[in-house]
Amino acid sequence: MSGIADPLKPSWFGLPHWLVGAVLILALFGAFQVYYWVGRRLGEKLYDSRVGVRLGRERIAKIEHVVERWGALAVYGCFWVPMLRHTLPWVAGALRVSYPWYVVASALGCLTWAPLWWFAATAVVWGWLELAARSPVTAAVVAVLAVAAISWAVVRRRRRRRAASSEALVS
């Protein structure tokens, strides 16, 4: 068992690893098209929708600024920024970014971002399973350390956000 996936060996449901990855890429591409058209349909109603209220008017305005400045290139870039990945496409639709350019940018984003995550995530999971098979105690320690590191990062980020918002209130 190797930590790096063999793309030709069966992975899920007896399908080749690459085929599962291709299906996931197509699913992500489809989701991005749905996001665009929902945003285009909502238009200004985006602010009052559940998603818009949850995101907040200020955050949507920041995303609008990015889209207005960079256009379809922002769609490609949003794949690499976690918060933008699922919010920018709605805004791109609401701002009526050129759909042909949107399709090109989202296709390029899906073709470059998704395989990296698919193969990297698979390698991490299989690597951890290999470690667990060899040394369950070490695997448990690694899992606990990973959860602790993620928890620490989340708490730190929330504290920074709270401090920034309270500082903005004071100013």
C-alpha atoms as a PDB file:
ATOM      1  CA  MET A   1       0.000   0.000   0.000  1.00  0.00           C
ATOM      2  CA  SER A   2       1.478   3.345  -1.021  1.00  0.00           C
ATOM      3  CA  GLY A   3       0.598   6.853   0.197  1.00  0.00           C
ATOM      4  CA  ILE A   4       0.236   8.023  -3.403  1.00  0.00           C
ATOM      5  CA  ALA A   5      -2.779   6.792  -5.316  1.00  0.00           C
ATOM      6  CA  ASP A   6      -2.252   4.747  -8.456  1.00  0.00           C
ATOM      7  CA  PRO A   7      -4.579   6.425 -10.971  1.00  0.00           C
ATOM      8  CA  LEU A   8      -5.126   3.174 -12.907  1.00  0.00           C
ATOM      9  CA  LYS A   9      -6.104   0.916 -10.010  1.00  0.00           C
ATOM     10  CA  PRO A  10      -9.736   0.702  -8.876  1.00  0.00           C
ATOM     11  CA  SER A  11     -10.671   3.099  -6.123  1.00  0.00           C
ATOM     12  CA  TRP A  12     -14.409   3.590  -5.602  1.00  0.00           C
ATOM     13  CA  PHE A  13     -17.033   1.146  -6.785  1.00  0.00           C
ATOM     14  CA  GLY A  14     -14.332  -0.585  -8.859  1.00  0.00           C
ATOM     15  CA  LEU A  15     -13.879   2.519 -11.028  1.00  0.00           C
ATOM     16  CA  PRO A  16     -10.422   3.810 -11.953  1.00  0.00           C
ATOM     17  CA  HIS A  17      -9.158   6.602  -9.743  1.00  0.00           C
ATOM     18  CA  TRP A  18      -8.940   9.022 -12.681  1.00  0.00           C
ATOM     19  CA  LEU A  19     -12.584   8.384 -13.657  1.00  0.00           C
ATOM     20  CA  VAL A  20     -13.832   9.180 -10.160  1.00  0.00           C
ATOM     21  CA  GLY A  21     -11.739  12.363 -10.283  1.00  0.00           C
ATOM     22  CA  ALA A  22     -13.198  13.267 -13.688  1.00  0.00           C
ATOM     23  CA  VAL A  23     -16.742  12.776 -12.401  1.00  0.00           C
ATOM     24  CA  LEU A  24     -15.974  14.998  -9.415  1.00  0.00           C
ATOM     25  CA  ILE A  25     -14.533  17.679 -11.727  1.00  0.00           C
ATOM     26  CA  LEU A  26     -17.707  17.593 -13.831  1.00  0.00           C
ATOM     27  CA  ALA A  27     -19.863  17.799 -10.707  1.00  0.00           C
ATOM     28  CA  LEU A  28     -17.923  20.841  -9.495  1.00  0.00           C
ATOM     29  CA  PHE A  29     -18.225  22.459 -12.916  1.00  0.00           C
ATOM     30  CA  GLY A  30     -21.972  21.802 -12.869  1.00  0.00           C
ATOM     31  CA  ALA A  31     -22.280  23.316  -9.399  1.00  0.00           C
ATOM     32  CA  PHE A  32     -20.483  26.451 -10.589  1.00  0.00           C
ATOM     33  CA  GLN A  33     -22.936  26.815 -13.466  1.00  0.00           C
ATOM     34  CA  VAL A  34     -25.856  26.480 -11.065  1.00  0.00           C
ATOM     35  CA  TYR A  35     -24.305  29.113  -8.763  1.00  0.00           C
ATOM     36  CA  TYR A  36     -23.933  31.519 -11.688  1.00  0.00           C
ATOM     37  CA  TRP A  37     -27.500  31.130 -12.930  1.00  0.00           C
ATOM     38  CA  VAL A  38     -29.012  31.339  -9.458  1.00  0.00           C
ATOM     39  CA  GLY A  39     -27.029  34.533  -8.878  1.00  0.00           C
ATOM     40  CA  ARG A  40     -28.098  35.874 -12.253  1.00  0.00           C
ATOM     41  CA  ARG A  41     -31.734  35.061 -11.486  1.00  0.00           C
ATOM     42  CA  LEU A  42     -31.575  36.583  -8.003  1.00  0.00           C
ATOM     43  CA  GLY A  43     -29.753  39.746  -9.069  1.00  0.00           C
ATOM     44  CA  GLU A  44     -30.346  42.381  -6.398  1.00  0.00           C
ATOM     45  CA  LYS A  45     -32.437  39.913  -4.406  1.00  0.00           C
ATOM     46  CA  LEU A  46     -29.114  38.213  -3.593  1.00  0.00           C
ATOM     47  CA  TYR A  47     -28.657  40.648  -0.696  1.00  0.00           C
ATOM     48  CA  ASP A  48     -31.976  39.660   0.881  1.00  0.00           C
ATOM     49  CA  SER A  49     -31.695  35.906   0.267  1.00  0.00           C
ATOM     50  CA  ARG A  50     -30.662  33.534   3.065  1.00  0.00           C
ATOM     51  CA  VAL A  51     -27.212  33.225   1.521  1.00  0.00           C
ATOM     52  CA  GLY A  52     -26.927  37.005   1.151  1.00  0.00           C
ATOM     53  CA  VAL A  53     -28.035  37.695   4.715  1.00  0.00           C
ATOM     54  CA  ARG A  54     -25.654  35.058   6.026  1.00  0.00           C
ATOM     55  CA  LEU A  55     -22.736  36.471   4.036  1.00  0.00           C
ATOM     56  CA  GLY A  56     -23.555  40.042   4.904  1.00  0.00           C
ATOM     57  CA  ARG A  57     -23.903  43.053   2.627  1.00  0.00           C
ATOM     58  CA  GLU A  58     -20.362  44.234   3.342  1.00  0.00           C
ATOM     59  CA  ARG A  59     -18.772  40.920   2.351  1.00  0.00           C
ATOM     60  CA  ILE A  60     -20.854  40.725  -0.847  1.00  0.00           C
ATOM     61  CA  ALA A  61     -19.762  44.278  -1.699  1.00  0.00           C
ATOM     62  CA  LYS A  62     -16.115  43.216  -1.339  1.00  0.00           C
ATOM     63  CA  ILE A  63     -16.707  40.257  -3.628  1.00  0.00           C
ATOM     64  CA  GLU A  64     -18.484  42.522  -6.125  1.00  0.00           C
ATOM     65  CA  HIS A  65     -15.450  44.780  -6.153  1.00  0.00           C
ATOM     66  CA  VAL A  66     -13.199  41.811  -6.954  1.00  0.00           C
ATOM     67  CA  VAL A  67     -15.513  40.686  -9.775  1.00  0.00           C
ATOM     68  CA  GLU A  68     -15.850  44.203 -11.193  1.00  0.00           C
ATOM     69  CA  ARG A  69     -12.086  44.642 -11.169  1.00  0.00           C
ATOM     70  CA  TRP A  70     -11.007  41.236 -12.472  1.00  0.00           C
ATOM     71  CA  GLY A  71     -14.091  39.883 -14.273  1.00  0.00           C
ATOM     72  CA  ALA A  72     -13.865  36.242 -15.353  1.00  0.00           C
ATOM     73  CA  LEU A  73     -10.269  36.040 -14.114  1.00  0.00           C
ATOM     74  CA  ALA A  74     -11.684  36.427 -10.593  1.00  0.00           C
ATOM     75  CA  VAL A  75     -13.762  33.306 -11.240  1.00  0.00           C
ATOM     76  CA  TYR A  76     -10.596  31.317 -11.941  1.00  0.00           C
ATOM     77  CA  GLY A  77      -8.860  32.819  -8.904  1.00  0.00           C
ATOM     78  CA  CYS A  78     -11.774  32.052  -6.584  1.00  0.00           C
ATOM     79  CA  PHE A  79     -10.947  28.342  -6.750  1.00  0.00           C
ATOM     80  CA  TRP A  80      -7.779  29.015  -4.782  1.00  0.00           C
ATOM     81  CA  VAL A  81      -9.423  31.165  -2.063  1.00  0.00           C
ATOM     82  CA  PRO A  82     -11.614  29.112   0.289  1.00  0.00           C
ATOM     83  CA  MET A  83     -14.317  31.669   1.128  1.00  0.00           C
ATOM     84  CA  LEU A  84     -14.616  32.940  -2.432  1.00  0.00           C
ATOM     85  CA  ARG A  85     -14.944  29.507  -4.011  1.00  0.00           C
ATOM     86  CA  HIS A  86     -18.667  29.229  -3.349  1.00  0.00           C
ATOM     87  CA  THR A  87     -19.671  32.872  -3.053  1.00  0.00           C
ATOM     88  CA  LEU A  88     -18.033  34.579  -6.012  1.00  0.00           C
ATOM     89  CA  PRO A  89     -19.964  32.596  -8.664  1.00  0.00           C
ATOM     90  CA  TRP A  90     -23.290  33.838  -7.265  1.00  0.00           C
ATOM     91  CA  VAL A  91     -22.050  37.401  -7.387  1.00  0.00           C
ATOM     92  CA  ALA A  92     -20.633  36.907 -10.904  1.00  0.00           C
ATOM     93  CA  GLY A  93     -24.107  35.856 -12.008  1.00  0.00           C
ATOM     94  CA  ALA A  94     -25.771  38.769 -10.248  1.00  0.00           C
ATOM     95  CA  LEU A  95     -23.319  41.187 -11.882  1.00  0.00           C
ATOM     96  CA  ARG A  96     -23.897  39.477 -15.222  1.00  0.00           C
ATOM     97  CA  VAL A  97     -20.279  38.615 -15.970  1.00  0.00           C
ATOM     98  CA  SER A  98     -19.992  37.472 -19.595  1.00  0.00           C
ATOM     99  CA  TYR A  99     -21.210  33.881 -19.518  1.00  0.00           C
ATOM    100  CA  PRO A 100     -18.842  32.538 -22.196  1.00  0.00           C
ATOM    101  CA  TRP A 101     -15.879  33.937 -20.253  1.00  0.00           C
ATOM    102  CA  TYR A 102     -17.366  32.629 -17.024  1.00  0.00           C
ATOM    103  CA  VAL A 103     -17.601  29.118 -18.525  1.00  0.00           C
ATOM    104  CA  VAL A 104     -13.974  29.250 -19.688  1.00  0.00           C
ATOM    105  CA  ALA A 105     -12.739  30.524 -16.315  1.00  0.00           C
ATOM    106  CA  SER A 106     -14.778  28.025 -14.296  1.00  0.00           C
ATOM    107  CA  ALA A 107     -13.712  25.146 -16.561  1.00  0.00           C
ATOM    108  CA  LEU A 108     -10.043  26.090 -16.172  1.00  0.00           C
ATOM    109  CA  GLY A 109     -10.524  26.405 -12.425  1.00  0.00           C
ATOM    110  CA  CYS A 110     -12.163  22.976 -12.203  1.00  0.00           C
ATOM    111  CA  LEU A 111      -9.463  21.396 -14.362  1.00  0.00           C
ATOM    112  CA  THR A 112      -6.594  22.807 -12.287  1.00  0.00           C
ATOM    113  CA  TRP A 113      -7.911  22.993  -8.726  1.00  0.00           C
ATOM    114  CA  ALA A 114     -10.010  19.832  -8.399  1.00  0.00           C
ATOM    115  CA  PRO A 115      -7.356  17.289  -9.482  1.00  0.00           C
ATOM    116  CA  LEU A 116      -4.855  18.739  -7.045  1.00  0.00           C
ATOM    117  CA  TRP A 117      -7.315  18.336  -4.189  1.00  0.00           C
ATOM    118  CA  TRP A 118      -8.566  14.964  -5.373  1.00  0.00           C
ATOM    119  CA  PHE A 119      -5.117  13.396  -5.618  1.00  0.00           C
ATOM    120  CA  ALA A 120      -3.705  15.205  -2.567  1.00  0.00           C
ATOM    121  CA  ALA A 121      -6.657  14.309  -0.352  1.00  0.00           C
ATOM    122  CA  THR A 122      -6.523  10.714  -1.527  1.00  0.00           C
ATOM    123  CA  ALA A 123      -2.780  10.551  -0.835  1.00  0.00           C
ATOM    124  CA  VAL A 124      -3.280  11.973   2.667  1.00  0.00           C
ATOM    125  CA  VAL A 125      -6.094   9.561   3.523  1.00  0.00           C
ATOM    126  CA  TRP A 126      -4.310   6.528   2.092  1.00  0.00           C
ATOM    127  CA  GLY A 127      -1.054   7.587   3.737  1.00  0.00           C
ATOM    128  CA  TRP A 128      -2.799   7.857   7.098  1.00  0.00           C
ATOM    129  CA  LEU A 129      -4.445   4.456   6.590  1.00  0.00           C
ATOM    130  CA  GLU A 130      -1.042   2.956   5.799  1.00  0.00           C
ATOM    131  CA  LEU A 131       0.359   4.550   8.939  1.00  0.00           C
ATOM    132  CA  ALA A 132      -2.593   3.186  10.938  1.00  0.00           C
ATOM    133  CA  ALA A 133      -1.942  -0.306   9.586  1.00  0.00           C
ATOM    134  CA  ARG A 134       1.714  -0.128  10.632  1.00  0.00           C
ATOM    135  CA  SER A 135       1.313   1.752  13.897  1.00  0.00           C
ATOM    136  CA  PRO A 136      -2.177   2.495  15.232  1.00  0.00           C
ATOM    137  CA  VAL A 137      -0.785   4.516  18.133  1.00  0.00           C
ATOM    138  CA  THR A 138       1.226   6.791  15.847  1.00  0.00           C
ATOM    139  CA  ALA A 139      -1.792   7.208  13.561  1.00  0.00           C
ATOM    140  CA  ALA A 140      -3.946   8.166  16.553  1.00  0.00           C
ATOM    141  CA  VAL A 141      -1.346  10.707  17.694  1.00  0.00           C
ATOM    142  CA  VAL A 142      -1.179  12.171  14.179  1.00  0.00           C
ATOM    143  CA  ALA A 143      -4.984  12.413  14.046  1.00  0.00           C
ATOM    144  CA  VAL A 144      -5.151  14.112  17.460  1.00  0.00           C
ATOM    145  CA  LEU A 145      -2.401  16.556  16.448  1.00  0.00           C
ATOM    146  CA  ALA A 146      -4.197  17.335  13.175  1.00  0.00           C
ATOM    147  CA  VAL A 147      -7.498  17.985  14.961  1.00  0.00           C
ATOM    148  CA  ALA A 148      -5.701  20.134  17.560  1.00  0.00           C
ATOM    149  CA  ALA A 149      -3.935  22.163  14.853  1.00  0.00           C
ATOM    150  CA  ILE A 150      -7.171  22.756  12.939  1.00  0.00           C
ATOM    151  CA  SER A 151      -9.025  23.690  16.140  1.00  0.00           C
ATOM    152  CA  TRP A 152      -6.251  26.090  17.133  1.00  0.00           C
ATOM    153  CA  ALA A 153      -6.337  27.739  13.691  1.00  0.00           C
ATOM    154  CA  VAL A 154     -10.129  28.124  13.794  1.00  0.00           C
ATOM    155  CA  VAL A 155     -10.090  29.608  17.313  1.00  0.00           C
ATOM    156  CA  ARG A 156      -7.255  31.969  16.391  1.00  0.00           C
ATOM    157  CA  ARG A 157      -9.072  33.134  13.270  1.00  0.00           C
ATOM    158  CA  ARG A 158     -12.304  33.760  15.197  1.00  0.00           C
ATOM    159  CA  ARG A 159     -10.444  35.732  17.864  1.00  0.00           C
ATOM    160  CA  ARG A 160      -8.774  37.881  15.220  1.00  0.00           C
ATOM    161  CA  ARG A 161     -12.102  38.484  13.526  1.00  0.00           C
ATOM    162  CA  ARG A 162     -13.745  39.471  16.816  1.00  0.00           C
ATOM    163  CA  ALA A 163     -10.857  41.766  17.682  1.00  0.00           C
ATOM    164  CA  ALA A 164     -11.034  43.418  14.270  1.00  0.00           C
ATOM    165  CA  SER A 165     -14.805  43.912  14.511  1.00  0.00           C
ATOM    166  CA  SER A 166     -14.606  45.322  18.060  1.00  0.00           C
ATOM    167  CA  GLU A 167     -11.767  47.595  16.934  1.00  0.00           C
ATOM    168  CA  ALA A 168     -13.916  48.804  14.047  1.00  0.00           C
ATOM    169  CA  LEU A 169     -16.758  49.524  16.490  1.00  0.00           C
ATOM    170  CA  VAL A 170     -14.442  51.544  18.722  1.00  0.00           C
ATOM    171  CA  SER A 171     -13.077  53.615  15.805  1.00  0.00           C
END
